Amino acid sequence: MRLHAFSYLVLYNVMFVLPLLHYWWCPMYWGATSMQLGGVLQRHLVTVKLGTGMLLSGLGIWLLSRGI
């Protein structure tokens, strides 16, 4: 059971934490300001929310189907 829990923790980090760090680090490295990043987020907010919702719903269905 511990191995399954650890593998899900690793999967979570790979799918969510590493991309967040990537999207935070790359624009800062190239000199983008927080105002520019905020504008990009406002323009793509609906797409980001829909994508996240679909991903989490799919993950939830997958977990429920496996009986976890």
N, C-alpha and C. Protein backbone atom coordinates (compact mmCIF):
# COMPACT_ATOMS: atom_id res chain seq x y z
N MET A 1 0.83 -1.21 0.00
CA MET A 1 0.00 0.00 0.00
C MET A 1 0.86 1.26 0.00
N ARG A 2 1.97 1.23 0.73
CA ARG A 2 2.84 2.41 0.78
C ARG A 2 3.47 2.70 -0.58
N LEU A 3 3.79 1.65 -1.31
CA LEU A 3 4.37 1.84 -2.63
C LEU A 3 3.36 2.50 -3.57
N HIS A 4 2.08 2.11 -3.48
CA HIS A 4 1.05 2.74 -4.30
C HIS A 4 0.88 4.20 -3.92
N ALA A 5 0.88 4.49 -2.63
CA ALA A 5 0.73 5.88 -2.19
C ALA A 5 1.92 6.72 -2.66
N PHE A 6 3.11 6.17 -2.56
CA PHE A 6 4.30 6.91 -2.99
C PHE A 6 4.28 7.12 -4.50
N SER A 7 3.84 6.11 -5.25
CA SER A 7 3.79 6.26 -6.71
C SER A 7 2.77 7.32 -7.11
N TYR A 8 1.66 7.43 -6.39
CA TYR A 8 0.68 8.48 -6.68
C TYR A 8 1.24 9.86 -6.31
N LEU A 9 2.03 9.94 -5.27
CA LEU A 9 2.67 11.20 -4.91
C LEU A 9 3.65 11.63 -5.99
N VAL A 10 4.42 10.70 -6.50
CA VAL A 10 5.36 11.01 -7.58
C VAL A 10 4.60 11.43 -8.83
N LEU A 11 3.52 10.71 -9.16
CA LEU A 11 2.71 11.06 -10.33
C LEU A 11 2.14 12.47 -10.18
N TYR A 12 1.64 12.81 -9.00
CA TYR A 12 1.11 14.15 -8.75
C TYR A 12 2.19 15.20 -8.98
N ASN A 13 3.36 14.97 -8.43
CA ASN A 13 4.44 15.95 -8.58
C ASN A 13 4.86 16.12 -10.03
N VAL A 14 4.91 15.03 -10.77
CA VAL A 14 5.31 15.12 -12.17
C VAL A 14 4.26 15.85 -12.99
N MET A 15 2.97 15.58 -12.71
CA MET A 15 1.89 16.15 -13.53
C MET A 15 1.53 17.58 -13.16
N PHE A 16 1.70 17.97 -11.89
CA PHE A 16 1.22 19.28 -11.47
C PHE A 16 2.33 20.21 -10.97
N VAL A 17 3.18 19.74 -10.12
CA VAL A 17 4.17 20.63 -9.50
C VAL A 17 5.27 21.01 -10.47
N LEU A 18 5.85 20.04 -11.17
CA LEU A 18 6.92 20.36 -12.11
C LEU A 18 6.47 21.30 -13.23
N PRO A 19 5.29 21.08 -13.86
CA PRO A 19 4.86 22.06 -14.86
C PRO A 19 4.64 23.46 -14.28
N LEU A 20 4.13 23.55 -13.05
CA LEU A 20 3.95 24.86 -12.43
C LEU A 20 5.29 25.55 -12.23
N LEU A 21 6.27 24.81 -11.78
CA LEU A 21 7.60 25.41 -11.62
C LEU A 21 8.18 25.84 -12.97
N HIS A 22 7.94 25.03 -13.99
CA HIS A 22 8.41 25.37 -15.33
C HIS A 22 7.76 26.66 -15.83
N TYR A 23 6.44 26.76 -15.69
CA TYR A 23 5.73 27.94 -16.18
C TYR A 23 6.03 29.18 -15.35
N TRP A 24 6.49 28.99 -14.14
CA TRP A 24 6.87 30.13 -13.31
C TRP A 24 8.30 30.55 -13.62
N TRP A 25 9.18 29.57 -13.79
CA TRP A 25 10.59 29.88 -13.95
C TRP A 25 10.92 30.43 -15.33
N CYS A 26 10.38 29.87 -16.39
CA CYS A 26 10.76 30.29 -17.75
C CYS A 26 10.46 31.77 -18.03
N PRO A 27 9.24 32.25 -17.76
CA PRO A 27 9.01 33.68 -18.02
C PRO A 27 9.88 34.60 -17.16
N MET A 28 10.12 34.21 -15.91
CA MET A 28 10.96 35.04 -15.06
C MET A 28 12.41 35.06 -15.56
N TYR A 29 12.86 33.94 -16.09
CA TYR A 29 14.21 33.86 -16.63
C TYR A 29 14.37 34.78 -17.83
N TRP A 30 13.34 34.89 -18.66
CA TRP A 30 13.41 35.73 -19.85
C TRP A 30 12.96 37.16 -19.60
N GLY A 31 12.68 37.53 -18.36
CA GLY A 31 12.44 38.91 -18.01
C GLY A 31 10.99 39.38 -18.04
N ALA A 32 10.03 38.47 -17.99
CA ALA A 32 8.62 38.88 -17.97
C ALA A 32 8.27 39.44 -16.58
N THR A 33 7.38 40.41 -16.57
CA THR A 33 6.95 40.99 -15.30
C THR A 33 5.68 40.28 -14.81
N SER A 34 5.35 40.52 -13.56
CA SER A 34 4.14 39.91 -13.01
C SER A 34 2.89 40.46 -13.69
N MET A 35 2.93 41.70 -14.15
CA MET A 35 1.79 42.27 -14.87
C MET A 35 1.59 41.55 -16.21
N GLN A 36 2.66 41.24 -16.90
CA GLN A 36 2.55 40.51 -18.16
C GLN A 36 2.02 39.11 -17.93
N LEU A 37 2.50 38.44 -16.90
CA LEU A 37 2.01 37.10 -16.60
C LEU A 37 0.54 37.12 -16.19
N GLY A 38 0.14 38.14 -15.45
CA GLY A 38 -1.26 38.29 -15.08
C GLY A 38 -2.16 38.49 -16.28
N GLY A 39 -1.69 39.26 -17.26
CA GLY A 39 -2.45 39.47 -18.49
C GLY A 39 -2.62 38.19 -19.29
N VAL A 40 -1.58 37.38 -19.35
CA VAL A 40 -1.67 36.09 -20.05
C VAL A 40 -2.66 35.19 -19.34
N LEU A 41 -2.61 35.17 -18.02
CA LEU A 41 -3.54 34.33 -17.26
C LEU A 41 -4.98 34.78 -17.47
N GLN A 42 -5.23 36.08 -17.49
CA GLN A 42 -6.59 36.57 -17.70
C GLN A 42 -7.11 36.23 -19.10
N ARG A 43 -6.25 36.28 -20.09
CA ARG A 43 -6.67 35.95 -21.45
C ARG A 43 -6.98 34.46 -21.63
N HIS A 44 -6.31 33.60 -20.88
CA HIS A 44 -6.46 32.16 -21.05
C HIS A 44 -7.09 31.48 -19.84
N LEU A 45 -7.76 32.24 -19.00
CA LEU A 45 -8.30 31.71 -17.75
C LEU A 45 -9.33 30.61 -17.99
N VAL A 46 -10.24 30.80 -18.92
CA VAL A 46 -11.29 29.81 -19.17
C VAL A 46 -10.66 28.50 -19.68
N THR A 47 -9.70 28.62 -20.57
CA THR A 47 -9.04 27.42 -21.11
C THR A 47 -8.30 26.66 -20.02
N VAL A 48 -7.61 27.38 -19.17
CA VAL A 48 -6.87 26.74 -18.08
C VAL A 48 -7.83 26.04 -17.12
N LYS A 49 -8.92 26.70 -16.77
CA LYS A 49 -9.89 26.10 -15.84
C LYS A 49 -10.57 24.88 -16.46
N LEU A 50 -10.94 24.96 -17.73
CA LEU A 50 -11.56 23.81 -18.39
C LEU A 50 -10.58 22.63 -18.48
N GLY A 51 -9.37 22.91 -18.85
CA GLY A 51 -8.36 21.85 -18.94
C GLY A 51 -8.09 21.19 -17.60
N THR A 52 -7.96 22.00 -16.55
CA THR A 52 -7.74 21.47 -15.22
C THR A 52 -8.93 20.66 -14.75
N GLY A 53 -10.13 21.16 -14.99
CA GLY A 53 -11.33 20.43 -14.60
C GLY A 53 -11.46 19.10 -15.31
N MET A 54 -11.16 19.07 -16.61
CA MET A 54 -11.24 17.82 -17.36
C MET A 54 -10.18 16.83 -16.88
N LEU A 55 -8.99 17.33 -16.61
CA LEU A 55 -7.92 16.46 -16.14
C LEU A 55 -8.25 15.87 -14.78
N LEU A 56 -8.71 16.69 -13.85
CA LEU A 56 -9.04 16.19 -12.52
C LEU A 56 -10.26 15.28 -12.55
N SER A 57 -11.24 15.57 -13.39
CA SER A 57 -12.40 14.68 -13.52
C SER A 57 -11.98 13.33 -14.08
N GLY A 58 -11.13 13.34 -15.09
CA GLY A 58 -10.63 12.09 -15.64
C GLY A 58 -9.83 11.29 -14.63
N LEU A 59 -9.00 11.96 -13.84
CA LEU A 59 -8.24 11.29 -12.81
C LEU A 59 -9.16 10.70 -11.74
N GLY A 60 -10.20 11.44 -11.37
CA GLY A 60 -11.16 10.94 -10.39
C GLY A 60 -11.92 9.73 -10.89
N ILE A 61 -12.34 9.76 -12.14
CA ILE A 61 -13.03 8.60 -12.72
C ILE A 61 -12.11 7.40 -12.78
N TRP A 62 -10.86 7.63 -13.17
CA TRP A 62 -9.90 6.54 -13.22
C TRP A 62 -9.68 5.94 -11.84
N LEU A 63 -9.53 6.79 -10.81
CA LEU A 63 -9.33 6.28 -9.45
C LEU A 63 -10.55 5.51 -8.96
N LEU A 64 -11.73 6.02 -9.23
CA LEU A 64 -12.96 5.33 -8.80
C LEU A 64 -13.14 4.00 -9.53
N SER A 65 -12.78 3.96 -10.80
CA SER A 65 -12.92 2.72 -11.55
C SER A 65 -11.94 1.65 -11.08
N ARG A 66 -10.84 2.06 -10.51
CA ARG A 66 -9.86 1.10 -9.99
C ARG A 66 -10.19 0.70 -8.55
N GLY A 67 -11.16 1.36 -7.94
CA GLY A 67 -11.55 1.02 -6.58
C GLY A 67 -10.58 1.50 -5.52
N ILE A 68 -9.94 2.62 -5.80
CA ILE A 68 -8.96 3.15 -4.84
C ILE A 68 -9.63 4.16 -3.94
